Amino acid sequence: MFLVAIIIIGSFFAFNENDTFKNKDQRMEIVSNQKLNGKMKIEIWSDVMCPFCYIGKEKFETALSEFAYKNQVEVEWKSYQIMPELQTQPDKSIHEVLVDQKRISLEQAKQLNGYATQMAKHVGLTYNFDKTVPVNTLKAHQFQHFAKENGKGDQAEEIMFKAYFTDGKNVDDIPTLVSLGQSIGLDGVALQQALENQIYIQAVKKDITEAQEIGVNGVPYFVFDRKRAISGAQDPKVFLEILRKSFEEWREEKPKGKLDLIEGAVCKPDGTCEQ
């Protein structure tokens, strides 16, 4: 799906409380792990060059900040490419890419990107499409996976969005990504080696395949406890409502610590032993 399509329809995506997932075993495994670690998982499929993904992130985080049990929620960012075939073109503007791909005028392309810029402004973000570098985001997703594995997934997502939309940096460039990683406390040498050797390429492809399996056809896409999904940059009230519903159900299903017991001879803390 190209950028123009996202700009036109992204803000109108609706949440779906009854989304079903094709891989039931996969869902059960993930839900089981969530319950064991004591947190409800929210997975977010996203692409760094998707304008509504950054906006959706801000709106979701606004809702999460108002959620009473936010410390019992784990957020995991997942990879998705809206333009997987796009070649990085540092000397070309995103407006020109739109012109070539959609056969529209330069003025129309700027108007479409201007729409996204105004949406971003409403949530406190600054988009500079005149500076944006059209890129293939495969390396950026590998960077995100490295950061996630090192406990910096949220910080990496934020810094990449800002680098792309606000600062006009080339997020397909390894030195740029290493610099971004170091700014959030990642090991620059290890990150560079990971990117050069494409250590996380299979992890990125796995996320993209998984998105296809559960029916993701546009981003941002938010999955709550593998039961509910929200597509698009929705109002924070929508996110908060689904957060509450999902968490209530998750807490009800979460093991309370009582186990099926087969009794035998034991010694108790008071020193008594019984057969």
Protein backbone atom coordinates (compact mmCIF):
# COMPACT_ATOMS: atom_id res chain seq x y z
CA MET A 1 0.00 0.00 0.00
CA PHE A 2 1.55 3.28 -1.02
CA LEU A 3 1.78 6.45 1.08
CA VAL A 4 -1.04 8.24 -0.72
CA ALA A 5 -3.45 5.42 0.02
CA ILE A 6 -2.53 5.51 3.69
CA ILE A 7 -2.99 9.27 3.86
CA ILE A 8 -6.43 9.07 2.28
CA ILE A 9 -7.89 6.20 4.29
CA GLY A 10 -5.68 5.71 7.35
CA SER A 11 -7.61 7.97 9.70
CA PHE A 12 -10.87 6.18 8.92
CA PHE A 13 -9.82 2.67 9.98
CA ALA A 14 -12.08 1.32 12.73
CA PHE A 15 -11.38 -1.00 15.59
CA ASN A 16 -12.74 -4.51 15.46
CA GLU A 17 -13.48 -6.19 18.77
CA ASN A 18 -14.12 -9.54 17.12
CA ASP A 19 -11.03 -9.94 14.98
CA THR A 20 -10.12 -13.62 14.77
CA PHE A 21 -6.68 -15.03 14.20
CA LYS A 22 -6.00 -17.85 11.78
CA ASN A 23 -3.23 -19.47 13.78
CA LYS A 24 -5.00 -20.57 16.98
CA ASP A 25 -2.01 -22.45 18.36
CA GLN A 26 0.16 -19.37 17.89
CA ARG A 27 -2.37 -17.24 19.75
CA MET A 28 -2.60 -19.69 22.66
CA GLU A 29 1.18 -19.88 22.99
CA ILE A 30 1.50 -16.10 23.13
CA VAL A 31 -1.41 -15.67 25.53
CA SER A 32 0.04 -18.36 27.79
CA ASN A 33 3.40 -16.58 27.90
CA GLN A 34 1.68 -13.29 28.70
CA LYS A 35 -0.06 -14.79 31.69
CA LEU A 36 3.14 -16.34 32.98
CA ASN A 37 5.05 -13.05 32.93
CA GLY A 38 2.20 -11.21 34.63
CA LYS A 39 1.53 -8.66 31.89
CA MET A 40 -1.02 -8.32 29.11
CA LYS A 41 0.66 -7.95 25.75
CA ILE A 42 -0.21 -5.37 23.11
CA GLU A 43 1.45 -5.90 19.74
CA ILE A 44 1.74 -3.02 17.29
CA TRP A 45 2.51 -3.61 13.62
CA SER A 46 4.06 -0.46 12.18
CA ASP A 47 6.38 0.98 9.54
CA VAL A 48 8.67 3.94 10.16
CA MET A 49 7.65 5.65 6.90
CA CYS A 50 3.91 5.38 7.61
CA PRO A 51 2.70 8.84 8.71
CA PHE A 52 -0.30 7.47 10.59
CA CYS A 53 1.88 5.04 12.55
CA TYR A 54 3.67 7.89 14.33
CA ILE A 55 0.36 9.66 14.94
CA GLY A 56 -1.21 6.41 16.13
CA LYS A 57 1.71 5.85 18.50
CA GLU A 58 1.13 9.23 20.11
CA LYS A 59 -2.61 8.63 20.48
CA PHE A 60 -2.12 5.14 21.87
CA GLU A 61 0.46 6.36 24.39
CA THR A 62 -1.91 9.12 25.49
CA ALA A 63 -4.51 6.45 26.25
CA LEU A 64 -1.97 4.21 27.96
CA SER A 65 -0.83 7.05 30.22
CA GLU A 66 -4.41 7.35 31.49
CA PHE A 67 -4.82 3.61 32.05
CA ALA A 68 -4.73 2.67 35.72
CA TYR A 69 -2.98 -0.65 35.13
CA LYS A 70 -0.41 0.49 32.58
CA ASN A 71 2.39 -1.18 34.56
CA GLN A 72 0.75 -4.52 33.81
CA VAL A 73 0.84 -3.95 30.06
CA GLU A 74 3.69 -4.99 27.78
CA VAL A 75 3.98 -3.28 24.39
CA GLU A 76 5.80 -5.01 21.56
CA TRP A 77 6.52 -3.33 18.22
CA LYS A 78 6.30 -5.51 15.11
CA SER A 79 7.63 -5.02 11.59
CA TYR A 80 5.55 -4.23 8.52
CA GLN A 81 6.51 -2.64 5.19
CA ILE A 82 4.03 -0.46 3.33
CA MET A 83 6.36 -0.18 0.30
CA PRO A 84 8.61 -3.25 0.34
CA GLU A 85 9.74 -2.76 -3.26
CA LEU A 86 10.76 0.90 -2.83
CA GLN A 87 14.42 1.63 -3.47
CA THR A 88 16.10 4.20 -1.23
CA GLN A 89 16.40 7.48 -3.13
CA PRO A 90 18.25 10.14 -1.07
CA ASP A 91 18.21 12.65 -3.93
CA LYS A 92 14.46 12.46 -4.46
CA SER A 93 11.63 13.89 -2.38
CA ILE A 94 8.70 11.83 -1.12
CA HIS A 95 6.49 14.19 -3.14
CA GLU A 96 8.26 13.14 -6.33
CA VAL A 97 7.94 9.47 -5.41
CA LEU A 98 4.19 9.98 -5.10
CA VAL A 99 4.10 11.67 -8.48
CA ASP A 100 5.90 8.75 -10.12
CA GLN A 101 4.00 5.99 -8.38
CA LYS A 102 0.46 7.41 -8.45
CA ARG A 103 0.70 9.54 -11.59
CA ILE A 104 -0.57 12.65 -9.88
CA SER A 105 0.72 16.20 -10.04
CA LEU A 106 3.39 17.53 -7.69
CA GLU A 107 0.82 19.88 -6.21
CA GLN A 108 -1.55 17.01 -5.48
CA ALA A 109 1.25 15.06 -3.83
CA LYS A 110 2.10 18.00 -1.60
CA GLN A 111 -1.55 18.44 -0.66
CA LEU A 112 -1.82 14.79 0.38
CA ASN A 113 1.28 15.00 2.51
CA GLY A 114 0.04 18.30 3.88
CA TYR A 115 -3.05 16.52 5.18
CA ALA A 116 -0.88 14.14 7.19
CA THR A 117 1.22 17.07 8.42
CA GLN A 118 -1.87 18.75 9.87
CA MET A 119 -3.00 15.54 11.55
CA ALA A 120 0.44 15.20 13.11
CA LYS A 121 0.37 18.79 14.33
CA HIS A 122 -2.83 18.10 16.27
CA VAL A 123 -0.98 15.55 18.44
CA GLY A 124 2.14 17.66 18.86
CA LEU A 125 4.30 16.17 16.10
CA THR A 126 6.26 18.02 13.43
CA TYR A 127 6.36 16.51 9.94
CA ASN A 128 8.80 17.91 7.39
CA PHE A 129 7.93 16.08 4.17
CA ASP A 130 10.15 18.44 2.17
CA LYS A 131 13.12 16.90 4.02
CA THR A 132 11.91 13.29 4.15
CA VAL A 133 14.20 10.75 2.45
CA PRO A 134 12.33 7.99 0.57
CA VAL A 135 13.76 4.72 1.86
CA ASN A 136 13.34 1.00 1.94
CA THR A 137 12.71 0.38 5.63
CA LEU A 138 14.15 -3.13 5.93
CA LYS A 139 17.29 -1.96 7.77
CA ALA A 140 15.22 0.28 10.03
CA HIS A 141 13.16 -2.74 11.09
CA GLN A 142 16.32 -4.72 11.79
CA PHE A 143 17.49 -1.84 13.95
CA GLN A 144 14.22 -1.97 15.84
CA HIS A 145 14.58 -5.70 16.50
CA PHE A 146 18.11 -5.19 17.82
CA ALA A 147 16.83 -2.44 20.10
CA LYS A 148 13.90 -4.57 21.28
CA GLU A 149 16.20 -7.44 22.16
CA ASN A 150 18.27 -5.00 24.21
CA GLY A 151 15.31 -3.52 26.09
CA LYS A 152 15.02 -0.34 24.02
CA GLY A 153 12.13 -1.12 21.69
CA ASP A 154 9.94 1.85 22.61
CA GLN A 155 12.83 4.31 22.52
CA ALA A 156 13.96 3.00 19.14
CA GLU A 157 10.51 3.37 17.62
CA GLU A 158 10.22 6.96 18.81
CA ILE A 159 13.68 8.01 17.68
CA MET A 160 13.24 6.45 14.23
CA PHE A 161 9.91 8.18 13.63
CA LYS A 162 11.42 11.53 14.61
CA ALA A 163 14.50 10.91 12.49
CA TYR A 164 12.39 10.11 9.44
CA PHE A 165 9.49 12.57 9.66
CA THR A 166 11.02 15.51 11.51
CA ASP A 167 14.76 15.48 10.94
CA GLY A 168 14.86 14.14 7.39
CA LYS A 169 17.48 11.47 8.13
CA ASN A 170 18.18 8.47 5.91
CA VAL A 171 17.04 5.51 8.06
CA ASP A 172 18.35 3.05 5.47
CA ASP A 173 21.90 4.22 6.20
CA ILE A 174 23.86 2.07 8.68
CA PRO A 175 26.00 4.90 10.18
CA THR A 176 22.82 6.92 10.73
CA LEU A 177 21.12 3.99 12.46
CA VAL A 178 24.20 3.33 14.60
CA SER A 179 24.22 6.98 15.67
CA LEU A 180 20.52 6.79 16.54
CA GLY A 181 21.13 3.62 18.51
CA GLN A 182 23.98 5.11 20.48
CA SER A 183 21.82 8.11 21.37
CA ILE A 184 19.45 5.78 23.25
CA GLY A 185 22.21 3.79 24.90
CA LEU A 186 22.72 0.88 22.50
CA ASP A 187 26.12 -0.65 21.78
CA GLY A 188 27.17 0.94 18.50
CA VAL A 189 29.67 -1.75 17.53
CA ALA A 190 27.24 -4.60 18.17
CA LEU A 191 24.49 -2.74 16.32
CA GLN A 192 26.68 -2.09 13.29
CA GLN A 193 27.67 -5.75 13.13
CA ALA A 194 24.04 -6.83 13.42
CA LEU A 195 22.99 -4.53 10.58
CA GLU A 196 25.91 -5.39 8.31
CA ASN A 197 25.34 -9.12 8.78
CA GLN A 198 21.53 -8.84 8.65
CA ILE A 199 21.24 -10.84 11.86
CA TYR A 200 17.62 -9.78 12.39
CA ILE A 201 16.38 -10.11 8.81
CA GLN A 202 14.50 -13.34 9.57
CA ALA A 203 12.85 -11.75 12.62
CA VAL A 204 11.58 -8.93 10.39
CA LYS A 205 10.26 -11.39 7.80
CA LYS A 206 8.59 -13.41 10.55
CA ASP A 207 6.69 -10.34 11.74
CA ILE A 208 5.55 -9.56 8.21
CA THR A 209 4.41 -13.15 7.64
CA GLU A 210 2.60 -13.13 10.96
CA ALA A 211 0.82 -9.93 9.97
CA GLN A 212 -0.48 -11.66 6.85
CA GLU A 213 -1.63 -14.65 8.90
CA ILE A 214 -3.74 -12.59 11.30
CA GLY A 215 -5.19 -10.38 8.57
CA VAL A 216 -3.24 -7.14 8.83
CA ASN A 217 -3.76 -5.19 5.61
CA GLY A 218 -2.63 -1.75 6.75
CA VAL A 219 -0.79 -0.09 9.60
CA PRO A 220 -0.75 0.96 12.35
CA TYR A 221 -2.43 -2.19 13.64
CA PHE A 222 -2.81 -2.75 17.38
CA VAL A 223 -3.55 -6.24 18.76
CA PHE A 224 -4.71 -6.59 22.37
CA ASP A 225 -4.08 -9.96 24.04
CA ARG A 226 -4.64 -11.62 20.64
CA LYS A 227 -8.37 -11.01 21.02
CA ARG A 228 -9.13 -7.48 19.87
CA ALA A 229 -7.57 -5.28 17.23
CA ILE A 230 -7.59 -1.60 16.34
CA SER A 231 -6.58 -0.48 12.87
CA GLY A 232 -5.46 3.08 12.28
CA ALA A 233 -4.66 6.19 14.30
CA GLN A 234 -7.82 6.19 16.40
CA ASP A 235 -8.86 8.67 19.06
CA PRO A 236 -7.25 8.00 22.48
CA LYS A 237 -10.74 7.32 23.88
CA VAL A 238 -11.08 4.35 21.52
CA PHE A 239 -7.73 2.97 22.62
CA LEU A 240 -8.58 3.46 26.29
CA GLU A 241 -11.93 1.70 25.95
CA ILE A 242 -10.38 -1.36 24.30
CA LEU A 243 -7.52 -1.32 26.78
CA ARG A 244 -9.96 -1.54 29.66
CA LYS A 245 -12.08 -4.26 28.09
CA SER A 246 -9.11 -6.36 27.08
CA PHE A 247 -7.42 -6.00 30.44
CA GLU A 248 -10.56 -6.93 32.37
CA GLU A 249 -10.88 -10.14 30.37
CA TRP A 250 -7.17 -10.88 30.62
CA ARG A 251 -7.23 -10.43 34.40
CA GLU A 252 -10.23 -12.73 34.72
CA GLU A 253 -8.47 -15.45 32.74
CA LYS A 254 -5.08 -14.96 34.41
CA PRO A 255 -4.13 -17.86 36.72
CA LYS A 256 -4.84 -16.93 40.35
CA GLY A 257 -2.13 -19.19 41.75
CA LYS A 258 -4.42 -22.07 42.76
CA LEU A 259 -3.29 -25.37 41.29
CA ASP A 260 -4.83 -28.81 40.96
CA LEU A 261 -3.23 -30.72 43.82
CA ILE A 262 -2.35 -34.38 44.25
CA GLU A 263 -1.48 -34.79 47.92
CA GLY A 264 1.19 -37.01 49.46
CA ALA A 265 3.59 -37.13 52.41
CA VAL A 266 4.88 -33.62 53.21
CA CYS A 267 6.76 -31.70 55.85
CA LYS A 268 5.32 -28.31 56.73
CA PRO A 269 6.95 -25.02 57.81
CA ASP A 270 6.06 -25.69 61.46
CA GLY A 271 8.23 -28.80 61.42
CA THR A 272 5.43 -31.35 61.37
CA CYS A 273 5.45 -34.11 58.82
CA GLU A 274 2.34 -35.85 57.62
CA GLN A 275 1.74 -38.86 55.43
